[in-house]
């Protein structure tokens, strides 16, 4: 099954982490591949480690010490997206559920060609793997392949009032 959590609203990663916890509690083998989320600024990783949940983080550390985010695209970003997909191919048979966190952003920002993700879904996805895709973007080709799609729509966000990302809430 393929599940998609997408949109411009907050909660895509949060929803997928909730599903990871539920599956882990059931006894499923779960893993997360973080696309474009390098660095040590993501506090959920501490509890993932405590719970014995495998995760693999790829990408540059885009957050500065003052909380600002670097939105630039560099060749390293393209390499990291390819490394993320290579990791997926390497581990996919070891898990019951894998989250590809921000993979849709990687496609949207042209770090990962859509055709590469579609090729994986069509030709390499194990039948018994529950795959979760998150990010800001949905293409008709992904929609056609997905079994569940949830859109996170921003109605109001304190970011618009210049409130910076907060530890324990956004990261």
C-alpha atoms as a PDB file:
ATOM      1  CA  UNK A   1       0.000   0.000   0.000  1.00  0.00           C
ATOM      2  CA  UNK A   2       1.086   3.543  -0.702  1.00  0.00           C
ATOM      3  CA  UNK A   3      -0.038   6.339   1.605  1.00  0.00           C
ATOM      4  CA  UNK A   4       0.524  10.017   0.842  1.00  0.00           C
ATOM      5  CA  UNK A   5       0.485  12.920   3.305  1.00  0.00           C
ATOM      6  CA  UNK A   6       0.948  16.130   1.342  1.00  0.00           C
ATOM      7  CA  UNK A   7       0.093  19.806   1.251  1.00  0.00           C
ATOM      8  CA  UNK A   8       1.167  23.210   2.480  1.00  0.00           C
ATOM      9  CA  UNK A   9      -0.118  22.647   6.014  1.00  0.00           C
ATOM     10  CA  UNK A  10       1.763  21.520   9.094  1.00  0.00           C
ATOM     11  CA  UNK A  11       1.480  17.894  10.158  1.00  0.00           C
ATOM     12  CA  UNK A  12       2.737  15.651   7.358  1.00  0.00           C
ATOM     13  CA  UNK A  13       5.781  14.345   9.200  1.00  0.00           C
ATOM     14  CA  UNK A  14       3.849  14.342  12.469  1.00  0.00           C
ATOM     15  CA  UNK A  15       1.135  12.122  10.954  1.00  0.00           C
ATOM     16  CA  UNK A  16       3.660   9.725   9.489  1.00  0.00           C
ATOM     17  CA  UNK A  17       5.496   9.488  12.825  1.00  0.00           C
ATOM     18  CA  UNK A  18       2.207   8.627  14.513  1.00  0.00           C
ATOM     19  CA  UNK A  19       1.724   5.802  12.043  1.00  0.00           C
ATOM     20  CA  UNK A  20       5.290   4.619  12.690  1.00  0.00           C
ATOM     21  CA  UNK A  21       4.561   4.494  16.434  1.00  0.00           C
ATOM     22  CA  UNK A  22       1.340   2.574  15.899  1.00  0.00           C
ATOM     23  CA  UNK A  23       3.025   0.023  13.617  1.00  0.00           C
ATOM     24  CA  UNK A  24       5.991  -0.343  15.971  1.00  0.00           C
ATOM     25  CA  UNK A  25       3.594  -0.887  18.872  1.00  0.00           C
ATOM     26  CA  UNK A  26       1.969  -3.671  16.881  1.00  0.00           C
ATOM     27  CA  UNK A  27       5.369  -5.294  16.373  1.00  0.00           C
ATOM     28  CA  UNK A  28       5.985  -4.259  12.776  1.00  0.00           C
ATOM     29  CA  UNK A  29       9.493  -3.477  11.574  1.00  0.00           C
ATOM     30  CA  UNK A  30       9.535   0.203  10.668  1.00  0.00           C
ATOM     31  CA  UNK A  31      12.017   2.698   9.254  1.00  0.00           C
ATOM     32  CA  UNK A  32      12.109   6.298   8.128  1.00  0.00           C
ATOM     33  CA  UNK A  33      14.224   7.811   5.382  1.00  0.00           C
ATOM     34  CA  UNK A  34      14.455  11.565   5.837  1.00  0.00           C
ATOM     35  CA  UNK A  35      14.968  13.324   2.495  1.00  0.00           C
ATOM     36  CA  UNK A  36      16.642  16.725   2.735  1.00  0.00           C
ATOM     37  CA  UNK A  37      16.685  16.729   6.530  1.00  0.00           C
ATOM     38  CA  UNK A  38      20.324  16.570   7.481  1.00  0.00           C
ATOM     39  CA  UNK A  39      21.817  17.817  10.691  1.00  0.00           C
ATOM     40  CA  UNK A  40      20.977  17.124  14.299  1.00  0.00           C
ATOM     41  CA  UNK A  41      18.179  19.673  14.731  1.00  0.00           C
ATOM     42  CA  UNK A  42      15.264  17.236  14.660  1.00  0.00           C
ATOM     43  CA  UNK A  43      14.278  16.283  18.183  1.00  0.00           C
ATOM     44  CA  UNK A  44      12.005  13.404  17.168  1.00  0.00           C
ATOM     45  CA  UNK A  45      15.153  11.458  16.302  1.00  0.00           C
ATOM     46  CA  UNK A  46      16.073  11.209  19.969  1.00  0.00           C
ATOM     47  CA  UNK A  47      12.895   9.296  20.782  1.00  0.00           C
ATOM     48  CA  UNK A  48      13.157   7.222  17.608  1.00  0.00           C
ATOM     49  CA  UNK A  49      16.524   6.041  18.854  1.00  0.00           C
ATOM     50  CA  UNK A  50      15.116   5.337  22.325  1.00  0.00           C
ATOM     51  CA  UNK A  51      12.320   3.268  20.759  1.00  0.00           C
ATOM     52  CA  UNK A  52      14.670   1.367  18.483  1.00  0.00           C
ATOM     53  CA  UNK A  53      13.144   2.786  15.312  1.00  0.00           C
ATOM     54  CA  UNK A  54      15.606   2.872  12.444  1.00  0.00           C
ATOM     55  CA  UNK A  55      15.975   6.103  10.538  1.00  0.00           C
ATOM     56  CA  UNK A  56      18.310   7.324   7.858  1.00  0.00           C
ATOM     57  CA  UNK A  57      18.885  11.026   7.361  1.00  0.00           C
ATOM     58  CA  UNK A  58      20.103  12.595   4.143  1.00  0.00           C
ATOM     59  CA  UNK A  59      20.631  16.201   3.163  1.00  0.00           C
ATOM     60  CA  UNK A  60      22.425  19.305   4.235  1.00  0.00           C
ATOM     61  CA  UNK A  61      21.779  20.911   7.594  1.00  0.00           C
ATOM     62  CA  UNK A  62      19.627  23.772   6.334  1.00  0.00           C
ATOM     63  CA  UNK A  63      18.875  25.437   9.664  1.00  0.00           C
ATOM     64  CA  UNK A  64      21.193  28.126  10.957  1.00  0.00           C
ATOM     65  CA  UNK A  65      21.800  28.791  14.647  1.00  0.00           C
ATOM     66  CA  UNK A  66      19.246  31.653  14.549  1.00  0.00           C
ATOM     67  CA  UNK A  67      16.523  29.352  13.172  1.00  0.00           C
ATOM     68  CA  UNK A  68      16.588  30.600   9.598  1.00  0.00           C
ATOM     69  CA  UNK A  69      16.237  28.072   6.809  1.00  0.00           C
ATOM     70  CA  UNK A  70      18.445  27.871   3.702  1.00  0.00           C
ATOM     71  CA  UNK A  71      16.214  27.184   0.682  1.00  0.00           C
ATOM     72  CA  UNK A  72      19.029  27.109  -1.900  1.00  0.00           C
ATOM     73  CA  UNK A  73      19.588  24.090  -4.146  1.00  0.00           C
ATOM     74  CA  UNK A  74      23.121  22.758  -4.545  1.00  0.00           C
ATOM     75  CA  UNK A  75      24.626  19.755  -6.308  1.00  0.00           C
ATOM     76  CA  UNK A  76      25.034  18.108  -2.904  1.00  0.00           C
ATOM     77  CA  UNK A  77      21.231  18.103  -2.598  1.00  0.00           C
ATOM     78  CA  UNK A  78      20.901  16.106  -5.819  1.00  0.00           C
ATOM     79  CA  UNK A  79      23.487  13.598  -4.612  1.00  0.00           C
ATOM     80  CA  UNK A  80      21.734  13.226  -1.258  1.00  0.00           C
ATOM     81  CA  UNK A  81      18.381  12.539  -2.926  1.00  0.00           C
ATOM     82  CA  UNK A  82      19.987   9.763  -4.976  1.00  0.00           C
ATOM     83  CA  UNK A  83      21.602   8.372  -1.806  1.00  0.00           C
ATOM     84  CA  UNK A  84      18.162   8.361  -0.162  1.00  0.00           C
ATOM     85  CA  UNK A  85      16.703   6.278  -2.986  1.00  0.00           C
ATOM     86  CA  UNK A  86      19.702   3.935  -2.928  1.00  0.00           C
ATOM     87  CA  UNK A  87      19.153   3.426   0.810  1.00  0.00           C
ATOM     88  CA  UNK A  88      15.501   2.616   0.147  1.00  0.00           C
ATOM     89  CA  UNK A  89      16.466  -0.078  -2.364  1.00  0.00           C
ATOM     90  CA  UNK A  90      19.001  -1.439   0.104  1.00  0.00           C
ATOM     91  CA  UNK A  91      16.635  -1.735   3.089  1.00  0.00           C
ATOM     92  CA  UNK A  92      13.169  -2.221   1.610  1.00  0.00           C
ATOM     93  CA  UNK A  93      13.004  -5.980   2.214  1.00  0.00           C
ATOM     94  CA  UNK A  94      13.928  -5.601   5.899  1.00  0.00           C
ATOM     95  CA  UNK A  95      10.834  -3.630   6.945  1.00  0.00           C
ATOM     96  CA  UNK A  96       7.055  -3.795   6.971  1.00  0.00           C
ATOM     97  CA  UNK A  97       6.611  -0.007   6.790  1.00  0.00           C
ATOM     98  CA  UNK A  98       8.934   2.699   5.484  1.00  0.00           C
ATOM     99  CA  UNK A  99       8.310   6.449   5.539  1.00  0.00           C
ATOM    100  CA  UNK A 100       9.933   8.551   2.817  1.00  0.00           C
ATOM    101  CA  UNK A 101       9.727  11.845   4.662  1.00  0.00           C
ATOM    102  CA  UNK A 102       9.836  14.901   2.373  1.00  0.00           C
ATOM    103  CA  UNK A 103      10.312  12.787  -0.762  1.00  0.00           C
ATOM    104  CA  UNK A 104       7.595  14.846  -2.458  1.00  0.00           C
ATOM    105  CA  UNK A 105       9.547  18.008  -1.620  1.00  0.00           C
ATOM    106  CA  UNK A 106      12.637  16.446  -3.142  1.00  0.00           C
ATOM    107  CA  UNK A 107      10.655  15.922  -6.349  1.00  0.00           C
ATOM    108  CA  UNK A 108       9.058  19.377  -6.225  1.00  0.00           C
ATOM    109  CA  UNK A 109      12.430  21.068  -5.743  1.00  0.00           C
ATOM    110  CA  UNK A 110      13.960  18.973  -8.554  1.00  0.00           C
ATOM    111  CA  UNK A 111      16.403  17.143  -6.289  1.00  0.00           C
ATOM    112  CA  UNK A 112      14.850  13.870  -7.377  1.00  0.00           C
ATOM    113  CA  UNK A 113      13.258  13.362 -10.789  1.00  0.00           C
ATOM    114  CA  UNK A 114       9.600  12.349 -10.600  1.00  0.00           C
ATOM    115  CA  UNK A 115      10.377   9.579 -13.078  1.00  0.00           C
ATOM    116  CA  UNK A 116      12.800   8.023 -10.560  1.00  0.00           C
ATOM    117  CA  UNK A 117      10.137   7.866  -7.869  1.00  0.00           C
ATOM    118  CA  UNK A 118       7.563   6.503 -10.314  1.00  0.00           C
ATOM    119  CA  UNK A 119      10.026   3.889 -11.542  1.00  0.00           C
ATOM    120  CA  UNK A 120      10.533   2.737  -7.971  1.00  0.00           C
ATOM    121  CA  UNK A 121       6.790   2.568  -7.303  1.00  0.00           C
ATOM    122  CA  UNK A 122       6.143   0.644 -10.520  1.00  0.00           C
ATOM    123  CA  UNK A 123       9.117  -1.699 -10.606  1.00  0.00           C
ATOM    124  CA  UNK A 124      10.799  -2.042  -7.210  1.00  0.00           C
ATOM    125  CA  UNK A 125       8.199  -1.561  -4.475  1.00  0.00           C
ATOM    126  CA  UNK A 126       7.747  -4.871  -2.634  1.00  0.00           C
ATOM    127  CA  UNK A 127       4.108  -5.977  -2.594  1.00  0.00           C
ATOM    128  CA  UNK A 128       4.055  -6.377   1.193  1.00  0.00           C
ATOM    129  CA  UNK A 129       5.700  -3.019   2.047  1.00  0.00           C
ATOM    130  CA  UNK A 130       3.571  -0.195   3.445  1.00  0.00           C
ATOM    131  CA  UNK A 131       5.150   2.943   1.961  1.00  0.00           C
ATOM    132  CA  UNK A 132       4.418   6.452   3.240  1.00  0.00           C
ATOM    133  CA  UNK A 133       5.267   9.505   1.112  1.00  0.00           C
ATOM    134  CA  UNK A 134       5.252  12.987   2.617  1.00  0.00           C
ATOM    135  CA  UNK A 135       5.950  16.478   1.324  1.00  0.00           C
ATOM    136  CA  UNK A 136       4.525  19.510  -0.423  1.00  0.00           C
ATOM    137  CA  UNK A 137       3.371  18.343  -3.802  1.00  0.00           C
ATOM    138  CA  UNK A 138       1.148  15.830  -5.500  1.00  0.00           C
ATOM    139  CA  UNK A 139       1.352  14.853  -9.139  1.00  0.00           C
ATOM    140  CA  UNK A 140      -1.375  12.988 -11.032  1.00  0.00           C
ATOM    141  CA  UNK A 141       1.016  10.062 -11.466  1.00  0.00           C
ATOM    142  CA  UNK A 142       1.510   9.754  -7.695  1.00  0.00           C
ATOM    143  CA  UNK A 143      -2.201  10.209  -7.062  1.00  0.00           C
ATOM    144  CA  UNK A 144      -2.987   7.361  -9.466  1.00  0.00           C
ATOM    145  CA  UNK A 145      -0.633   4.979  -7.651  1.00  0.00           C
ATOM    146  CA  UNK A 146      -1.582   5.904  -4.072  1.00  0.00           C
ATOM    147  CA  UNK A 147      -4.018   3.883  -1.988  1.00  0.00           C
ATOM    148  CA  UNK A 148      -4.582   6.671   0.569  1.00  0.00           C
ATOM    149  CA  UNK A 149      -4.065  10.414   0.215  1.00  0.00           C
ATOM    150  CA  UNK A 150      -4.448  12.994   2.966  1.00  0.00           C
ATOM    151  CA  UNK A 151      -3.991  16.681   2.223  1.00  0.00           C
ATOM    152  CA  UNK A 152      -2.687  18.940   4.980  1.00  0.00           C
ATOM    153  CA  UNK A 153      -4.040  22.386   4.127  1.00  0.00           C
ATOM    154  CA  UNK A 154      -2.795  25.505   5.841  1.00  0.00           C
ATOM    155  CA  UNK A 155      -5.675  27.632   7.048  1.00  0.00           C
ATOM    156  CA  UNK A 156      -3.647  29.740   9.473  1.00  0.00           C
ATOM    157  CA  UNK A 157      -0.053  29.482  10.670  1.00  0.00           C
ATOM    158  CA  UNK A 158       1.910  31.558  13.172  1.00  0.00           C
ATOM    159  CA  UNK A 159       4.851  31.525  10.746  1.00  0.00           C
ATOM    160  CA  UNK A 160       2.973  34.262   8.869  1.00  0.00           C
ATOM    161  CA  UNK A 161       3.402  36.439  11.979  1.00  0.00           C
ATOM    162  CA  UNK A 162       7.166  35.809  11.878  1.00  0.00           C
ATOM    163  CA  UNK A 163       7.158  33.305  14.762  1.00  0.00           C
ATOM    164  CA  UNK A 164      10.317  31.236  14.252  1.00  0.00           C
ATOM    165  CA  UNK A 165      10.375  27.446  14.297  1.00  0.00           C
ATOM    166  CA  UNK A 166      10.199  26.230  17.884  1.00  0.00           C
ATOM    167  CA  UNK A 167      12.139  23.357  19.434  1.00  0.00           C
ATOM    168  CA  UNK A 168       9.866  20.520  20.420  1.00  0.00           C
ATOM    169  CA  UNK A 169       7.082  21.758  18.142  1.00  0.00           C
ATOM    170  CA  UNK A 170       8.506  22.149  14.626  1.00  0.00           C
ATOM    171  CA  UNK A 171      11.727  20.218  15.112  1.00  0.00           C
END
